[in-house]
Amino acid sequence: MDFVFVGGNLALDFAGTLKWRRTHPEELLRTPGDLARWSVEAGVLTREPSLDGEDLRTLLGLREAVYRLVAAALDRRPWPGEDLGVLNRAASPRAAADARPRWSGA
């Protein structure tokens, strides 16, 4: 599976990992390995981290919050409070300090 980076913004490209979401959704991040590969192809990391199902669920939740926030902004609607909370928690200094990539192998 190839990832496409056409949004001009990493957050938009991440939201785009669920293709055709309004008609025939196609999930590009089906496994933790898919997410690890995306992180390298996107230039976020230089090598694939070791991710698990919980990491995948958390980051897919973040992705969907980003999508809903962008959609609200484009529609000139107020940002959904719960989604803003998800984004703020992910962007907090505490979350950044706790983020530690786990590498498998050498």
N, C-alpha and C. Protein backbone atom coordinates (compact mmCIF):
# COMPACT_ATOMS: atom_id res chain seq x y z
N MET A 1 0.84 -1.17 0.00
CA MET A 1 0.00 0.00 0.00
C MET A 1 0.89 1.24 0.00
N ASP A 2 0.58 2.16 -0.87
CA ASP A 2 1.33 3.40 -0.94
C ASP A 2 0.53 4.52 -0.32
N PHE A 3 1.22 5.36 0.42
CA PHE A 3 0.59 6.53 1.01
C PHE A 3 0.81 7.72 0.08
N VAL A 4 -0.14 8.62 0.07
CA VAL A 4 -0.07 9.81 -0.77
C VAL A 4 -0.04 11.03 0.14
N PHE A 5 0.83 11.96 -0.19
CA PHE A 5 0.98 13.17 0.60
C PHE A 5 0.72 14.37 -0.31
N VAL A 6 -0.54 14.79 -0.36
CA VAL A 6 -0.93 15.86 -1.27
C VAL A 6 -1.58 17.03 -0.55
N GLY A 7 -1.76 16.94 0.76
CA GLY A 7 -2.48 17.97 1.49
C GLY A 7 -1.68 19.23 1.74
N GLY A 8 -0.36 19.15 1.56
CA GLY A 8 0.47 20.30 1.85
C GLY A 8 0.62 20.56 3.34
N ASN A 9 0.10 19.63 4.14
CA ASN A 9 0.14 19.77 5.59
C ASN A 9 0.08 18.37 6.17
N LEU A 10 0.96 18.07 7.09
CA LEU A 10 1.04 16.73 7.65
C LEU A 10 -0.26 16.30 8.33
N ALA A 11 -0.92 17.21 9.03
CA ALA A 11 -2.18 16.87 9.70
C ALA A 11 -3.25 16.51 8.67
N LEU A 12 -3.30 17.25 7.55
CA LEU A 12 -4.28 16.93 6.52
C LEU A 12 -3.95 15.61 5.84
N ASP A 13 -2.67 15.35 5.61
CA ASP A 13 -2.28 14.06 5.03
C ASP A 13 -2.61 12.91 5.98
N PHE A 14 -2.45 13.14 7.27
CA PHE A 14 -2.81 12.11 8.25
C PHE A 14 -4.31 11.86 8.23
N ALA A 15 -5.10 12.93 8.19
CA ALA A 15 -6.56 12.78 8.10
C ALA A 15 -6.94 12.04 6.83
N GLY A 16 -6.15 12.21 5.78
CA GLY A 16 -6.42 11.55 4.50
C GLY A 16 -6.08 10.08 4.45
N THR A 17 -5.61 9.52 5.56
CA THR A 17 -5.33 8.08 5.57
C THR A 17 -6.60 7.25 5.67
N LEU A 18 -7.73 7.90 5.81
CA LEU A 18 -9.02 7.24 5.61
C LEU A 18 -9.56 7.84 4.32
N LYS A 19 -9.34 7.11 3.22
CA LYS A 19 -9.72 7.60 1.90
C LYS A 19 -11.21 7.41 1.66
N TRP A 20 -11.74 8.26 0.82
CA TRP A 20 -13.13 8.17 0.38
C TRP A 20 -14.10 8.05 1.56
N ARG A 21 -13.82 8.74 2.62
CA ARG A 21 -14.59 8.57 3.87
C ARG A 21 -16.07 8.85 3.70
N ARG A 22 -16.47 9.66 2.75
CA ARG A 22 -17.89 10.00 2.59
C ARG A 22 -18.65 9.03 1.70
N THR A 23 -17.95 8.22 0.91
CA THR A 23 -18.64 7.33 -0.02
C THR A 23 -18.33 5.86 0.24
N HIS A 24 -17.08 5.48 0.01
CA HIS A 24 -16.65 4.09 0.21
C HIS A 24 -15.34 4.12 1.01
N PRO A 25 -15.44 4.27 2.33
CA PRO A 25 -14.22 4.45 3.14
C PRO A 25 -13.20 3.32 2.92
N GLU A 26 -11.95 3.75 2.77
CA GLU A 26 -10.83 2.82 2.63
C GLU A 26 -9.78 3.20 3.67
N GLU A 27 -9.64 2.36 4.68
CA GLU A 27 -8.69 2.60 5.78
C GLU A 27 -7.29 2.20 5.33
N LEU A 28 -6.37 3.16 5.36
CA LEU A 28 -4.98 2.86 5.01
C LEU A 28 -4.16 2.45 6.22
N LEU A 29 -4.64 2.73 7.42
CA LEU A 29 -3.90 2.40 8.64
C LEU A 29 -4.64 1.27 9.36
N ARG A 30 -4.57 0.09 8.80
CA ARG A 30 -5.30 -1.05 9.36
C ARG A 30 -4.55 -1.75 10.49
N THR A 31 -3.25 -1.61 10.51
CA THR A 31 -2.44 -2.30 11.52
C THR A 31 -1.43 -1.33 12.13
N PRO A 32 -0.88 -1.68 13.28
CA PRO A 32 0.19 -0.85 13.83
C PRO A 32 1.37 -0.71 12.86
N GLY A 33 1.65 -1.75 12.09
CA GLY A 33 2.73 -1.69 11.10
C GLY A 33 2.46 -0.66 10.01
N ASP A 34 1.19 -0.56 9.60
CA ASP A 34 0.83 0.46 8.61
C ASP A 34 1.12 1.86 9.16
N LEU A 35 0.76 2.08 10.40
CA LEU A 35 1.00 3.37 11.04
C LEU A 35 2.49 3.65 11.16
N ALA A 36 3.26 2.64 11.51
CA ALA A 36 4.71 2.80 11.62
C ALA A 36 5.31 3.17 10.26
N ARG A 37 4.87 2.50 9.20
CA ARG A 37 5.35 2.82 7.85
C ARG A 37 4.96 4.23 7.44
N TRP A 38 3.71 4.62 7.75
CA TRP A 38 3.26 5.96 7.41
C TRP A 38 4.15 7.01 8.09
N SER A 39 4.50 6.78 9.34
CA SER A 39 5.30 7.76 10.08
C SER A 39 6.66 7.99 9.43
N VAL A 40 7.22 6.95 8.82
CA VAL A 40 8.50 7.10 8.12
C VAL A 40 8.29 7.76 6.76
N GLU A 41 7.30 7.28 6.01
CA GLU A 41 7.04 7.86 4.69
C GLU A 41 6.65 9.33 4.78
N ALA A 42 6.00 9.72 5.88
CA ALA A 42 5.60 11.11 6.08
C ALA A 42 6.77 11.98 6.54
N GLY A 43 7.86 11.34 6.95
CA GLY A 43 9.02 12.08 7.42
C GLY A 43 8.95 12.45 8.89
N VAL A 44 8.01 11.85 9.62
CA VAL A 44 7.88 12.12 11.04
C VAL A 44 9.03 11.44 11.79
N LEU A 45 9.36 10.23 11.39
CA LEU A 45 10.45 9.46 11.99
C LEU A 45 11.37 8.95 10.89
N THR A 46 12.59 8.60 11.28
CA THR A 46 13.54 8.09 10.29
C THR A 46 13.54 6.57 10.21
N ARG A 47 12.97 5.92 11.20
CA ARG A 47 12.80 4.47 11.13
C ARG A 47 11.52 4.09 11.86
N GLU A 48 11.00 2.93 11.50
CA GLU A 48 9.71 2.52 12.03
C GLU A 48 9.78 2.19 13.52
N PRO A 49 8.86 2.77 14.29
CA PRO A 49 8.79 2.40 15.71
C PRO A 49 8.02 1.10 15.87
N SER A 50 8.12 0.53 17.03
CA SER A 50 7.33 -0.65 17.38
C SER A 50 6.03 -0.14 18.01
N LEU A 51 4.92 -0.33 17.32
CA LEU A 51 3.63 0.15 17.80
C LEU A 51 2.72 -1.03 18.10
N ASP A 52 1.74 -0.80 18.95
CA ASP A 52 0.78 -1.86 19.27
C ASP A 52 -0.63 -1.37 18.98
N GLY A 53 -1.60 -2.20 19.24
CA GLY A 53 -2.98 -1.89 18.96
C GLY A 53 -3.47 -0.65 19.69
N GLU A 54 -3.03 -0.45 20.91
CA GLU A 54 -3.43 0.73 21.67
C GLU A 54 -2.89 2.01 21.02
N ASP A 55 -1.64 1.97 20.55
CA ASP A 55 -1.08 3.12 19.84
C ASP A 55 -1.92 3.44 18.61
N LEU A 56 -2.28 2.39 17.87
CA LEU A 56 -3.08 2.59 16.67
C LEU A 56 -4.44 3.20 17.00
N ARG A 57 -5.12 2.67 18.01
CA ARG A 57 -6.43 3.21 18.40
C ARG A 57 -6.31 4.68 18.83
N THR A 58 -5.30 5.00 19.60
CA THR A 58 -5.10 6.37 20.07
C THR A 58 -4.88 7.32 18.90
N LEU A 59 -4.01 6.93 17.98
CA LEU A 59 -3.70 7.82 16.87
C LEU A 59 -4.83 7.91 15.85
N LEU A 60 -5.60 6.84 15.70
CA LEU A 60 -6.77 6.94 14.83
C LEU A 60 -7.82 7.86 15.45
N GLY A 61 -7.93 7.83 16.78
CA GLY A 61 -8.82 8.75 17.47
C GLY A 61 -8.39 10.20 17.25
N LEU A 62 -7.08 10.44 17.31
CA LEU A 62 -6.55 11.77 17.04
C LEU A 62 -6.82 12.17 15.60
N ARG A 63 -6.61 11.24 14.68
CA ARG A 63 -6.86 11.53 13.27
C ARG A 63 -8.31 11.96 13.05
N GLU A 64 -9.24 11.24 13.64
CA GLU A 64 -10.65 11.57 13.44
C GLU A 64 -11.02 12.90 14.09
N ALA A 65 -10.40 13.21 15.22
CA ALA A 65 -10.63 14.51 15.86
C ALA A 65 -10.12 15.63 14.95
N VAL A 66 -8.94 15.45 14.37
CA VAL A 66 -8.39 16.44 13.45
C VAL A 66 -9.33 16.61 12.26
N TYR A 67 -9.82 15.52 11.71
CA TYR A 67 -10.73 15.61 10.57
C TYR A 67 -11.98 16.42 10.93
N ARG A 68 -12.58 16.11 12.06
CA ARG A 68 -13.81 16.82 12.46
C ARG A 68 -13.54 18.31 12.73
N LEU A 69 -12.38 18.63 13.29
CA LEU A 69 -12.03 20.04 13.54
C LEU A 69 -11.84 20.79 12.22
N VAL A 70 -11.16 20.17 11.28
CA VAL A 70 -10.96 20.80 9.97
C VAL A 70 -12.30 20.98 9.27
N ALA A 71 -13.13 19.94 9.30
CA ALA A 71 -14.45 20.02 8.66
C ALA A 71 -15.28 21.14 9.28
N ALA A 72 -15.24 21.26 10.60
CA ALA A 72 -15.98 22.33 11.27
C ALA A 72 -15.46 23.70 10.84
N ALA A 73 -14.14 23.84 10.77
CA ALA A 73 -13.56 25.12 10.37
C ALA A 73 -13.96 25.47 8.93
N LEU A 74 -13.93 24.49 8.04
CA LEU A 74 -14.30 24.74 6.65
C LEU A 74 -15.78 25.12 6.51
N ASP A 75 -16.60 24.54 7.38
CA ASP A 75 -18.04 24.83 7.37
C ASP A 75 -18.39 26.04 8.23
N ARG A 76 -17.37 26.66 8.82
CA ARG A 76 -17.56 27.83 9.69
C ARG A 76 -18.48 27.52 10.88
N ARG A 77 -18.29 26.31 11.40
CA ARG A 77 -19.02 25.89 12.61
C ARG A 77 -18.06 25.95 13.79
N PRO A 78 -18.58 26.03 15.00
CA PRO A 78 -17.71 25.97 16.18
C PRO A 78 -16.98 24.63 16.24
N TRP A 79 -15.80 24.66 16.77
CA TRP A 79 -15.05 23.41 16.91
C TRP A 79 -15.70 22.55 17.98
N PRO A 80 -15.87 21.26 17.70
CA PRO A 80 -16.41 20.35 18.72
C PRO A 80 -15.46 20.31 19.93
N GLY A 81 -16.01 20.57 21.10
CA GLY A 81 -15.20 20.64 22.32
C GLY A 81 -14.44 19.37 22.63
N GLU A 82 -15.08 18.23 22.45
CA GLU A 82 -14.40 16.96 22.73
C GLU A 82 -13.20 16.76 21.80
N ASP A 83 -13.38 17.10 20.53
CA ASP A 83 -12.28 16.94 19.57
C ASP A 83 -11.16 17.93 19.86
N LEU A 84 -11.50 19.13 20.26
CA LEU A 84 -10.49 20.10 20.63
C LEU A 84 -9.70 19.60 21.84
N GLY A 85 -10.40 18.95 22.78
CA GLY A 85 -9.72 18.37 23.93
C GLY A 85 -8.75 17.27 23.54
N VAL A 86 -9.16 16.42 22.60
CA VAL A 86 -8.27 15.35 22.10
C VAL A 86 -7.01 15.97 21.51
N LEU A 87 -7.18 16.98 20.67
CA LEU A 87 -6.04 17.63 20.03
C LEU A 87 -5.15 18.32 21.06
N ASN A 88 -5.75 19.04 21.99
CA ASN A 88 -4.96 19.74 23.01
C ASN A 88 -4.18 18.77 23.89
N ARG A 89 -4.81 17.66 24.25
CA ARG A 89 -4.08 16.66 25.06
C ARG A 89 -2.89 16.09 24.28
N ALA A 90 -3.09 15.81 23.01
CA ALA A 90 -2.01 15.26 22.19
C ALA A 90 -0.88 16.26 21.99
N ALA A 91 -1.22 17.55 21.97
CA ALA A 91 -0.23 18.60 21.72
C ALA A 91 0.38 19.16 23.00
N SER A 92 -0.06 18.67 24.15
CA SER A 92 0.42 19.24 25.41
C SER A 92 1.89 18.90 25.65
N PRO A 93 2.58 19.77 26.39
CA PRO A 93 3.98 19.47 26.73
C PRO A 93 4.11 18.14 27.48
N ARG A 94 3.12 17.81 28.29
CA ARG A 94 3.15 16.55 29.03
C ARG A 94 3.12 15.35 28.08
N ALA A 95 2.25 15.42 27.07
CA ALA A 95 2.16 14.33 26.09
C ALA A 95 3.46 14.20 25.33
N ALA A 96 4.05 15.34 24.96
CA ALA A 96 5.32 15.31 24.23
C ALA A 96 6.42 14.72 25.10
N ALA A 97 6.43 15.04 26.38
CA ALA A 97 7.46 14.51 27.28
C ALA A 97 7.29 13.01 27.49
N ASP A 98 6.05 12.54 27.46
CA ASP A 98 5.78 11.12 27.68
C ASP A 98 5.96 10.29 26.41
N ALA A 99 6.01 10.93 25.25
CA ALA A 99 6.13 10.19 23.98
C ALA A 99 7.55 9.66 23.83
N ARG A 100 7.65 8.37 23.76
CA ARG A 100 8.94 7.72 23.60
C ARG A 100 8.80 6.63 22.53
N PRO A 101 9.37 6.86 21.34
CA PRO A 101 9.29 5.79 20.34
C PRO A 101 9.95 4.52 20.86
N ARG A 102 9.34 3.41 20.55
CA ARG A 102 9.93 2.11 20.89
C ARG A 102 10.42 1.49 19.60
N TRP A 103 11.66 1.11 19.58
CA TRP A 103 12.25 0.54 18.38
C TRP A 103 12.35 -0.97 18.55
N SER A 104 12.04 -1.67 17.49
CA SER A 104 12.22 -3.12 17.52
C SER A 104 13.48 -3.45 16.72
N GLY A 105 14.25 -4.34 17.22
CA GLY A 105 15.49 -4.72 16.53
C GLY A 105 16.55 -3.66 16.66
N ALA A 106 17.56 -3.78 15.83
CA ALA A 106 18.70 -2.84 15.89
C ALA A 106 18.52 -1.66 14.99
